[in-house]
PDB file of N, CA and C in Angstrom:
ATOM      1  N   MET A   1    -131.005  39.665 111.247  1.00  0.00           N
ATOM      2  CA  MET A   1    -131.052  38.389 111.925  1.00  0.00           C
ATOM      3  C   MET A   1    -131.875  38.535 113.200  1.00  0.00           C
ATOM      4  N   LYS A   2    -132.733  37.587 113.467  1.00  0.00           N
ATOM      5  CA  LYS A   2    -133.532  37.586 114.688  1.00  0.00           C
ATOM      6  C   LYS A   2    -132.997  36.512 115.626  1.00  0.00           C
ATOM      7  N   ILE A   3    -133.099  36.787 116.912  1.00  0.00           N
ATOM      8  CA  ILE A   3    -132.698  35.813 117.932  1.00  0.00           C
ATOM      9  C   ILE A   3    -133.926  35.491 118.768  1.00  0.00           C
ATOM     10  N   ARG A   4    -134.167  34.218 118.979  1.00  0.00           N
ATOM     11  CA  ARG A   4    -135.247  33.775 119.857  1.00  0.00           C
ATOM     12  C   ARG A   4    -134.610  33.023 121.010  1.00  0.00           C
ATOM     13  N   PRO A   5    -134.573  33.638 122.202  1.00  0.00           N
ATOM     14  CA  PRO A   5    -133.955  32.972 123.347  1.00  0.00           C
ATOM     15  C   PRO A   5    -134.781  31.769 123.803  1.00  0.00           C
ATOM     16  N   LEU A   6    -134.114  30.801 124.365  1.00  0.00           N
ATOM     17  CA  LEU A   6    -134.785  29.595 124.841  1.00  0.00           C
ATOM     18  C   LEU A   6    -135.064  29.677 126.339  1.00  0.00           C
ATOM     19  N   HIS A   7    -136.117  29.002 126.750  1.00  0.00           N
ATOM     20  CA  HIS A   7    -136.512  28.840 128.146  1.00  0.00           C
ATOM     21  C   HIS A   7    -136.599  30.181 128.893  1.00  0.00           C
ATOM     22  N   ASP A   8    -135.812  30.362 129.966  1.00  0.00           N
ATOM     23  CA  ASP A   8    -135.927  31.565 130.794  1.00  0.00           C
ATOM     24  C   ASP A   8    -134.841  32.596 130.470  1.00  0.00           C
ATOM     25  N   ARG A   9    -134.370  32.581 129.234  1.00  0.00           N
ATOM     26  CA  ARG A   9    -133.331  33.540 128.835  1.00  0.00           C
ATOM     27  C   ARG A   9    -133.945  34.781 128.189  1.00  0.00           C
ATOM     28  N   LEU A  10    -133.206  35.888 128.280  1.00  0.00           N
ATOM     29  CA  LEU A  10    -133.643  37.173 127.750  1.00  0.00           C
ATOM     30  C   LEU A  10    -132.548  37.751 126.869  1.00  0.00           C
ATOM     31  N   ILE A  11    -132.944  38.555 125.895  1.00  0.00           N
ATOM     32  CA  ILE A  11    -132.010  39.354 125.114  1.00  0.00           C
ATOM     33  C   ILE A  11    -132.202  40.796 125.568  1.00  0.00           C
ATOM     34  N   VAL A  12    -131.117  41.424 126.046  1.00  0.00           N
ATOM     35  CA  VAL A  12    -131.189  42.774 126.602  1.00  0.00           C
ATOM     36  C   VAL A  12    -130.223  43.688 125.852  1.00  0.00           C
ATOM     37  N   ARG A  13    -130.707  44.878 125.502  1.00  0.00           N
ATOM     38  CA  ARG A  13    -129.854  45.916 124.915  1.00  0.00           C
ATOM     39  C   ARG A  13    -129.517  46.906 126.021  1.00  0.00           C
ATOM     40  N   ARG A  14    -128.211  47.085 126.258  1.00  0.00           N
ATOM     41  CA  ARG A  14    -127.782  48.027 127.300  1.00  0.00           C
ATOM     42  C   ARG A  14    -128.262  49.437 126.986  1.00  0.00           C
ATOM     43  N   LYS A  15    -128.611  50.166 128.025  1.00  0.00           N
ATOM     44  CA  LYS A  15    -128.994  51.565 127.894  1.00  0.00           C
ATOM     45  C   LYS A  15    -127.760  52.359 127.483  1.00  0.00           C
ATOM     46  N   GLU A  16    -127.929  53.297 126.566  1.00  0.00           N
ATOM     47  CA  GLU A  16    -126.815  54.130 126.123  1.00  0.00           C
ATOM     48  C   GLU A  16    -126.318  54.974 127.285  1.00  0.00           C
ATOM     49  N   GLU A  17    -125.007  55.118 127.373  1.00  0.00           N
ATOM     50  CA  GLU A  17    -124.423  55.915 128.442  1.00  0.00           C
ATOM     51  C   GLU A  17    -124.721  57.389 128.238  1.00  0.00           C
ATOM     52  N   GLU A  18    -124.898  58.091 129.339  1.00  0.00           N
ATOM     53  CA  GLU A  18    -125.085  59.532 129.283  1.00  0.00           C
ATOM     54  C   GLU A  18    -123.736  60.173 128.983  1.00  0.00           C
ATOM     55  N   ARG A  19    -123.682  61.002 127.970  1.00  0.00           N
ATOM     56  CA  ARG A  19    -122.423  61.633 127.568  1.00  0.00           C
ATOM     57  C   ARG A  19    -122.299  63.075 128.052  1.00  0.00           C
ATOM     58  N   THR A  20    -123.389  63.652 128.569  1.00  0.00           N
ATOM     59  CA  THR A  20    -123.331  65.012 129.098  1.00  0.00           C
ATOM     60  C   THR A  20    -123.995  65.043 130.467  1.00  0.00           C
ATOM     61  N   THR A  21    -123.540  65.942 131.311  1.00  0.00           N
ATOM     62  CA  THR A  21    -124.150  66.102 132.629  1.00  0.00           C
ATOM     63  C   THR A  21    -125.374  67.000 132.499  1.00  0.00           C
ATOM     64  N   ALA A  22    -126.109  67.143 133.594  1.00  0.00           N
ATOM     65  CA  ALA A  22    -127.305  67.981 133.587  1.00  0.00           C
ATOM     66  C   ALA A  22    -126.966  69.440 133.280  1.00  0.00           C
ATOM     67  N   SER A  23    -125.757  69.859 133.652  1.00  0.00           N
ATOM     68  CA  SER A  23    -125.358  71.247 133.388  1.00  0.00           C
ATOM     69  C   SER A  23    -124.751  71.437 132.009  1.00  0.00           C
ATOM     70  N   GLY A  24    -124.678  70.348 131.215  1.00  0.00           N
ATOM     71  CA  GLY A  24    -124.201  70.465 129.845  1.00  0.00           C
ATOM     72  C   GLY A  24    -122.737  70.125 129.638  1.00  0.00           C
ATOM     73  N   ILE A  25    -122.049  69.647 130.671  1.00  0.00           N
ATOM     74  CA  ILE A  25    -120.638  69.282 130.545  1.00  0.00           C
ATOM     75  C   ILE A  25    -120.545  67.938 129.820  1.00  0.00           C
ATOM     76  N   VAL A  26    -119.736  67.886 128.766  1.00  0.00           N
ATOM     77  CA  VAL A  26    -119.563  66.661 127.984  1.00  0.00           C
ATOM     78  C   VAL A  26    -118.513  65.788 128.664  1.00  0.00           C
ATOM     79  N   ILE A  27    -118.871  64.516 128.887  1.00  0.00           N
ATOM     80  CA  ILE A  27    -117.961  63.573 129.525  1.00  0.00           C
ATOM     81  C   ILE A  27    -117.306  62.734 128.435  1.00  0.00           C
ATOM     82  N   PRO A  28    -115.967  62.711 128.351  1.00  0.00           N
ATOM     83  CA  PRO A  28    -115.305  61.901 127.318  1.00  0.00           C
ATOM     84  C   PRO A  28    -115.499  60.412 127.574  1.00  0.00           C
ATOM     85  N   GLU A  29    -115.452  59.620 126.501  1.00  0.00           N
ATOM     86  CA  GLU A  29    -115.660  58.186 126.611  1.00  0.00           C
ATOM     87  C   GLU A  29    -114.637  57.535 127.519  1.00  0.00           C
ATOM     88  N   SER A  30    -113.412  58.034 127.505  1.00  0.00           N
ATOM     89  CA  SER A  30    -112.342  57.446 128.312  1.00  0.00           C
ATOM     90  C   SER A  30    -112.580  57.633 129.807  1.00  0.00           C
ATOM     91  N   ALA A  31    -113.386  58.586 130.205  1.00  0.00           N
ATOM     92  CA  ALA A  31    -113.634  58.862 131.622  1.00  0.00           C
ATOM     93  C   ALA A  31    -114.606  57.863 132.245  1.00  0.00           C
ATOM     94  N   SER A  32    -115.430  57.259 131.441  1.00  0.00           N
ATOM     95  CA  SER A  32    -116.413  56.307 131.986  1.00  0.00           C
ATOM     96  C   SER A  32    -116.109  54.916 131.462  1.00  0.00           C
ATOM     97  N   ALA A  33    -115.297  54.153 132.204  1.00  0.00           N
ATOM     98  CA  ALA A  33    -114.880  52.823 131.777  1.00  0.00           C
ATOM     99  C   ALA A  33    -115.953  51.772 132.055  1.00  0.00           C
ATOM    100  N   GLU A  34    -116.839  52.037 132.997  1.00  0.00           N
ATOM    101  CA  GLU A  34    -117.859  51.054 133.352  1.00  0.00           C
ATOM    102  C   GLU A  34    -119.060  51.155 132.421  1.00  0.00           C
ATOM    103  N   LYS A  35    -119.613  49.987 132.093  1.00  0.00           N
ATOM    104  CA  LYS A  35    -120.802  49.953 131.251  1.00  0.00           C
ATOM    105  C   LYS A  35    -122.036  50.095 132.130  1.00  0.00           C
ATOM    106  N   PRO A  36    -123.117  50.641 131.594  1.00  0.00           N
ATOM    107  CA  PRO A  36    -124.329  50.802 132.402  1.00  0.00           C
ATOM    108  C   PRO A  36    -124.934  49.455 132.782  1.00  0.00           C
ATOM    109  N   ASP A  37    -125.615  49.426 133.910  1.00  0.00           N
ATOM    110  CA  ASP A  37    -126.235  48.191 134.380  1.00  0.00           C
ATOM    111  C   ASP A  37    -127.750  48.243 134.237  1.00  0.00           C
ATOM    112  N   GLN A  38    -128.205  48.971 133.225  1.00  0.00           N
ATOM    113  CA  GLN A  38    -129.621  49.050 132.886  1.00  0.00           C
ATOM    114  C   GLN A  38    -129.774  48.736 131.406  1.00  0.00           C
ATOM    115  N   GLY A  39    -130.948  48.243 131.034  1.00  0.00           N
ATOM    116  CA  GLY A  39    -131.177  47.950 129.627  1.00  0.00           C
ATOM    117  C   GLY A  39    -132.644  47.736 129.339  1.00  0.00           C
ATOM    118  N   VAL A  40    -132.927  47.477 128.062  1.00  0.00           N
ATOM    119  CA  VAL A  40    -134.290  47.234 127.598  1.00  0.00           C
ATOM    120  C   VAL A  40    -134.342  45.818 127.032  1.00  0.00           C
ATOM    121  N   ILE A  41    -135.375  45.091 127.402  1.00  0.00           N
ATOM    122  CA  ILE A  41    -135.533  43.718 126.926  1.00  0.00           C
ATOM    123  C   ILE A  41    -135.988  43.729 125.475  1.00  0.00           C
ATOM    124  N   GLU A  42    -135.231  43.036 124.628  1.00  0.00           N
ATOM    125  CA  GLU A  42    -135.520  42.952 123.195  1.00  0.00           C
ATOM    126  C   GLU A  42    -136.289  41.675 122.842  1.00  0.00           C
ATOM    127  N   ALA A  43    -136.031  40.586 123.583  1.00  0.00           N
ATOM    128  CA  ALA A  43    -136.704  39.306 123.309  1.00  0.00           C
ATOM    129  C   ALA A  43    -136.710  38.467 124.577  1.00  0.00           C
ATOM    130  N   VAL A  44    -137.711  37.609 124.710  1.00  0.00           N
ATOM    131  CA  VAL A  44    -137.822  36.718 125.872  1.00  0.00           C
ATOM    132  C   VAL A  44    -138.109  35.301 125.406  1.00  0.00           C
ATOM    133  N   GLY A  45    -137.692  34.332 126.232  1.00  0.00           N
ATOM    134  CA  GLY A  45    -137.981  32.929 125.948  1.00  0.00           C
ATOM    135  C   GLY A  45    -139.397  32.570 126.369  1.00  0.00           C
ATOM    136  N   ASN A  46    -139.729  31.295 126.226  1.00  0.00           N
ATOM    137  CA  ASN A  46    -141.086  30.829 126.542  1.00  0.00           C
ATOM    138  C   ASN A  46    -141.364  30.763 128.035  1.00  0.00           C
ATOM    139  N   GLY A  47    -140.337  30.556 128.850  1.00  0.00           N
ATOM    140  CA  GLY A  47    -140.529  30.462 130.287  1.00  0.00           C
ATOM    141  C   GLY A  47    -139.587  29.455 130.901  1.00  0.00           C
ATOM    142  N   LYS A  48    -139.563  29.443 132.227  1.00  0.00           N
ATOM    143  CA  LYS A  48    -138.667  28.543 132.955  1.00  0.00           C
ATOM    144  C   LYS A  48    -139.275  27.148 133.003  1.00  0.00           C
ATOM    145  N   LEU A  49    -138.481  26.166 132.600  1.00  0.00           N
ATOM    146  CA  LEU A  49    -138.914  24.767 132.631  1.00  0.00           C
ATOM    147  C   LEU A  49    -138.715  24.242 134.047  1.00  0.00           C
ATOM    148  N   LEU A  50    -139.802  23.854 134.697  1.00  0.00           N
ATOM    149  CA  LEU A  50    -139.753  23.373 136.076  1.00  0.00           C
ATOM    150  C   LEU A  50    -139.452  21.883 136.114  1.00  0.00           C
ATOM    151  N   GLU A  51    -139.076  21.386 137.297  1.00  0.00           N
ATOM    152  CA  GLU A  51    -138.726  19.967 137.454  1.00  0.00           C
ATOM    153  C   GLU A  51    -139.885  19.042 137.123  1.00  0.00           C
ATOM    154  N   ASP A  52    -141.121  19.485 137.354  1.00  0.00           N
ATOM    155  CA  ASP A  52    -142.286  18.632 137.076  1.00  0.00           C
ATOM    156  C   ASP A  52    -142.704  18.675 135.601  1.00  0.00           C
ATOM    157  N   GLY A  53    -141.951  19.410 134.775  1.00  0.00           N
ATOM    158  CA  GLY A  53    -142.238  19.457 133.342  1.00  0.00           C
ATOM    159  C   GLY A  53    -143.095  20.639 132.916  1.00  0.00           C
ATOM    160  N   ASN A  54    -143.668  21.356 133.870  1.00  0.00           N
ATOM    161  CA  ASN A  54    -144.468  22.534 133.541  1.00  0.00           C
ATOM    162  C   ASN A  54    -143.560  23.713 133.202  1.00  0.00           C
ATOM    163  N   VAL A  55    -144.122  24.696 132.503  1.00  0.00           N
ATOM    164  CA  VAL A  55    -143.379  25.895 132.137  1.00  0.00           C
ATOM    165  C   VAL A  55    -143.990  27.088 132.873  1.00  0.00           C
ATOM    166  N   ARG A  56    -143.150  27.810 133.633  1.00  0.00           N
ATOM    167  CA  ARG A  56    -143.597  29.014 134.338  1.00  0.00           C
ATOM    168  C   ARG A  56    -143.282  30.216 133.463  1.00  0.00           C
ATOM    169  N   LYS A  57    -144.319  31.003 133.170  1.00  0.00           N
ATOM    170  CA  LYS A  57    -144.136  32.191 132.332  1.00  0.00           C
ATOM    171  C   LYS A  57    -143.205  33.180 133.027  1.00  0.00           C
ATOM    172  N   LEU A  58    -142.503  33.967 132.230  1.00  0.00           N
ATOM    173  CA  LEU A  58    -141.569  34.944 132.778  1.00  0.00           C
ATOM    174  C   LEU A  58    -142.305  36.167 133.309  1.00  0.00           C
ATOM    175  N   ASP A  59    -141.700  36.839 134.294  1.00  0.00           N
ATOM    176  CA  ASP A  59    -142.285  38.041 134.895  1.00  0.00           C
ATOM    177  C   ASP A  59    -141.971  39.295 134.087  1.00  0.00           C
ATOM    178  N   VAL A  60    -141.075  39.193 133.111  1.00  0.00           N
ATOM    179  CA  VAL A  60    -140.685  40.348 132.297  1.00  0.00           C
ATOM    180  C   VAL A  60    -141.218  40.165 130.883  1.00  0.00           C
ATOM    181  N   LYS A  61    -141.288  41.283 130.151  1.00  0.00           N
ATOM    182  CA  LYS A  61    -141.779  41.216 128.770  1.00  0.00           C
ATOM    183  C   LYS A  61    -140.938  42.132 127.891  1.00  0.00           C
ATOM    184  N   ILE A  62    -141.097  42.011 126.599  1.00  0.00           N
ATOM    185  CA  ILE A  62    -140.372  42.842 125.649  1.00  0.00           C
ATOM    186  C   ILE A  62    -140.710  44.308 125.909  1.00  0.00           C
ATOM    187  N   GLY A  63    -139.673  45.151 125.928  1.00  0.00           N
ATOM    188  CA  GLY A  63    -139.856  46.580 126.161  1.00  0.00           C
ATOM    189  C   GLY A  63    -139.653  47.009 127.593  1.00  0.00           C
ATOM    190  N   ASP A  64    -139.611  46.064 128.541  1.00  0.00           N
ATOM    191  CA  ASP A  64    -139.374  46.420 129.945  1.00  0.00           C
ATOM    192  C   ASP A  64    -137.968  46.980 130.111  1.00  0.00           C
ATOM    193  N   LYS A  65    -137.844  48.034 130.930  1.00  0.00           N
ATOM    194  CA  LYS A  65    -136.538  48.571 131.301  1.00  0.00           C
ATOM    195  C   LYS A  65    -136.130  47.859 132.581  1.00  0.00           C
ATOM    196  N   VAL A  66    -134.963  47.226 132.563  1.00  0.00           N
ATOM    197  CA  VAL A  66    -134.561  46.393 133.691  1.00  0.00           C
ATOM    198  C   VAL A  66    -133.208  46.819 134.256  1.00  0.00           C
ATOM    199  N   LEU A  67    -132.995  46.409 135.492  1.00  0.00           N
ATOM    200  CA  LEU A  67    -131.762  46.645 136.222  1.00  0.00           C
ATOM    201  C   LEU A  67    -131.102  45.286 136.432  1.00  0.00           C
ATOM    202  N   PHE A  68    -129.790  45.190 136.174  1.00  0.00           N
ATOM    203  CA  PHE A  68    -129.089  43.909 136.327  1.00  0.00           C
ATOM    204  C   PHE A  68    -127.689  44.167 136.864  1.00  0.00           C
ATOM    205  N   GLY A  69    -127.015  43.109 137.295  1.00  0.00           N
ATOM    206  CA  GLY A  69    -125.675  43.222 137.855  1.00  0.00           C
ATOM    207  C   GLY A  69    -124.631  43.549 136.803  1.00  0.00           C
ATOM    208  N   LYS A  70    -123.500  44.074 137.257  1.00  0.00           N
ATOM    209  CA  LYS A  70    -122.419  44.474 136.348  1.00  0.00           C
ATOM    210  C   LYS A  70    -121.909  43.316 135.506  1.00  0.00           C
ATOM    211  N   TYR A  71    -121.877  42.125 136.054  1.00  0.00           N
ATOM    212  CA  TYR A  71    -121.316  40.974 135.347  1.00  0.00           C
ATOM    213  C   TYR A  71    -122.388  39.992 134.881  1.00  0.00           C
ATOM    214  N   ALA A  72    -123.635  40.434 134.812  1.00  0.00           N
ATOM    215  CA  ALA A  72    -124.743  39.567 134.415  1.00  0.00           C
ATOM    216  C   ALA A  72    -124.725  39.323 132.912  1.00  0.00           C
ATOM    217  N   GLY A  73    -125.068  38.124 132.537  1.00  0.00           N
ATOM    218  CA  GLY A  73    -125.254  37.809 131.126  1.00  0.00           C
ATOM    219  C   GLY A  73    -123.981  37.597 130.336  1.00  0.00           C
ATOM    220  N   GLN A  74    -124.180  37.203 129.097  1.00  0.00           N
ATOM    221  CA  GLN A  74    -123.103  36.961 128.147  1.00  0.00           C
ATOM    222  C   GLN A  74    -123.248  37.949 127.000  1.00  0.00           C
ATOM    223  N   ALA A  75    -122.209  38.721 126.720  1.00  0.00           N
ATOM    224  CA  ALA A  75    -122.259  39.703 125.632  1.00  0.00           C
ATOM    225  C   ALA A  75    -122.105  38.997 124.286  1.00  0.00           C
ATOM    226  N   VAL A  76    -122.969  39.348 123.344  1.00  0.00           N
ATOM    227  CA  VAL A  76    -122.896  38.831 121.975  1.00  0.00           C
ATOM    228  C   VAL A  76    -123.069  40.009 121.018  1.00  0.00           C
ATOM    229  N   THR A  77    -122.502  39.879 119.826  1.00  0.00           N
ATOM    230  CA  THR A  77    -122.657  40.905 118.811  1.00  0.00           C
ATOM    231  C   THR A  77    -123.461  40.321 117.663  1.00  0.00           C
ATOM    232  N   VAL A  78    -124.575  40.973 117.330  1.00  0.00           N
ATOM    233  CA  VAL A  78    -125.442  40.531 116.247  1.00  0.00           C
ATOM    234  C   VAL A  78    -125.679  41.709 115.322  1.00  0.00           C
ATOM    235  N   ASP A  79    -125.318  41.551 114.064  1.00  0.00           N
ATOM    236  CA  ASP A  79    -125.469  42.619 113.072  1.00  0.00           C
ATOM    237  C   ASP A  79    -124.864  43.942 113.545  1.00  0.00           C
ATOM    238  N   GLY A  80    -123.719  43.867 114.225  1.00  0.00           N
ATOM    239  CA  GLY A  80    -123.032  45.070 114.690  1.00  0.00           C
ATOM    240  C   GLY A  80    -123.551  45.640 115.996  1.00  0.00           C
ATOM    241  N   ASP A  81    -124.617  45.072 116.554  1.00  0.00           N
ATOM    242  CA  ASP A  81    -125.183  45.538 117.824  1.00  0.00           C
ATOM    243  C   ASP A  81    -124.708  44.642 118.954  1.00  0.00           C
ATOM    244  N   GLU A  82    -124.268  45.258 120.066  1.00  0.00           N
ATOM    245  CA  GLU A  82    -123.871  44.474 121.227  1.00  0.00           C
ATOM    246  C   GLU A  82    -125.096  44.246 122.107  1.00  0.00           C
ATOM    247  N   LEU A  83    -125.403  42.977 122.349  1.00  0.00           N
ATOM    248  CA  LEU A  83    -126.552  42.590 123.156  1.00  0.00           C
ATOM    249  C   LEU A  83    -126.088  41.687 124.287  1.00  0.00           C
ATOM    250  N   LEU A  84    -126.927  41.526 125.292  1.00  0.00           N
ATOM    251  CA  LEU A  84    -126.656  40.613 126.392  1.00  0.00           C
ATOM    252  C   LEU A  84    -127.674  39.489 126.370  1.00  0.00           C
ATOM    253  N   VAL A  85    -127.213  38.267 126.602  1.00  0.00           N
ATOM    254  CA  VAL A  85    -128.095  37.124 126.791  1.00  0.00           C
ATOM    255  C   VAL A  85    -127.973  36.756 128.258  1.00  0.00           C
ATOM    256  N   MET A  86    -129.100  36.793 128.972  1.00  0.00           N
ATOM    257  CA  MET A  86    -129.061  36.490 130.403  1.00  0.00           C
ATOM    258  C   MET A  86    -130.304  35.736 130.825  1.00  0.00           C
ATOM    259  N   LYS A  87    -130.217  35.108 131.984  1.00  0.00           N
ATOM    260  CA  LYS A  87    -131.373  34.426 132.549  1.00  0.00           C
ATOM    261  C   LYS A  87    -132.237  35.435 133.292  1.00  0.00           C
ATOM    262  N   GLU A  88    -133.500  35.101 133.443  1.00  0.00           N
ATOM    263  CA  GLU A  88    -134.415  35.996 134.145  1.00  0.00           C
ATOM    264  C   GLU A  88    -133.951  36.252 135.579  1.00  0.00           C
ATOM    265  N   GLU A  89    -133.337  35.275 136.200  1.00  0.00           N
ATOM    266  CA  GLU A  89    -132.887  35.433 137.594  1.00  0.00           C
ATOM    267  C   GLU A  89    -131.754  36.453 137.737  1.00  0.00           C
ATOM    268  N   ASP A  90    -131.096  36.829 136.626  1.00  0.00           N
ATOM    269  CA  ASP A  90    -130.058  37.869 136.659  1.00  0.00           C
ATOM    270  C   ASP A  90    -130.639  39.277 136.729  1.00  0.00           C
ATOM    271  N   VAL A  91    -131.925  39.413 136.449  1.00  0.00           N
ATOM    272  CA  VAL A  91    -132.589  40.711 136.494  1.00  0.00           C
ATOM    273  C   VAL A  91    -132.946  41.011 137.948  1.00  0.00           C
ATOM    274  N   MET A  92    -132.506  42.204 138.420  1.00  0.00           N
ATOM    275  CA  MET A  92    -132.770  42.581 139.809  1.00  0.00           C
ATOM    276  C   MET A  92    -134.093  43.318 139.965  1.00  0.00           C
ATOM    277  N   GLY A  93    -134.567  43.954 138.886  1.00  0.00           N
ATOM    278  CA  GLY A  93    -135.827  44.683 138.986  1.00  0.00           C
ATOM    279  C   GLY A  93    -136.220  45.317 137.669  1.00  0.00           C
ATOM    280  N   ILE A  94    -137.486  45.722 137.601  1.00  0.00           N
ATOM    281  CA  ILE A  94    -138.026  46.405 136.439  1.00  0.00           C
ATOM    282  C   ILE A  94    -138.170  47.880 136.803  1.00  0.00           C
ATOM    283  N   ILE A  95    -137.652  48.753 135.952  1.00  0.00           N
ATOM    284  CA  ILE A  95    -137.738  50.200 136.184  1.00  0.00           C
ATOM    285  C   ILE A  95    -139.061  50.698 135.615  1.00  0.00           C
ATOM    286  N   GLU A  96    -139.866  51.323 136.457  1.00  0.00           N
ATOM    287  CA  GLU A  96    -141.181  51.811 136.006  1.00  0.00           C
ATOM    288  C   GLU A  96    -141.199  53.306 135.863  1.00  0.00           C
TER     289      GLU A  96
END
């Protein structure tokens, strides 16, 4: 199934959590209750619809690694994958 977000919305896949430390220590899943606040953009909408009727293109694109807030977006499950649907304004920055 494909999802095409509307307007200034994005589909983001959360970055997988690191399960081992740099020294090789394995961290159990129960120890890290917080989800990561980084992800990769899977799909983008056409752009933000402005009050004058024009459409402003988004500053992000598919494949960008982004940083977002802990409570940003709405979690959805599609074909067994957990994805986030969020507005472009929820993105705090692009990781380069």
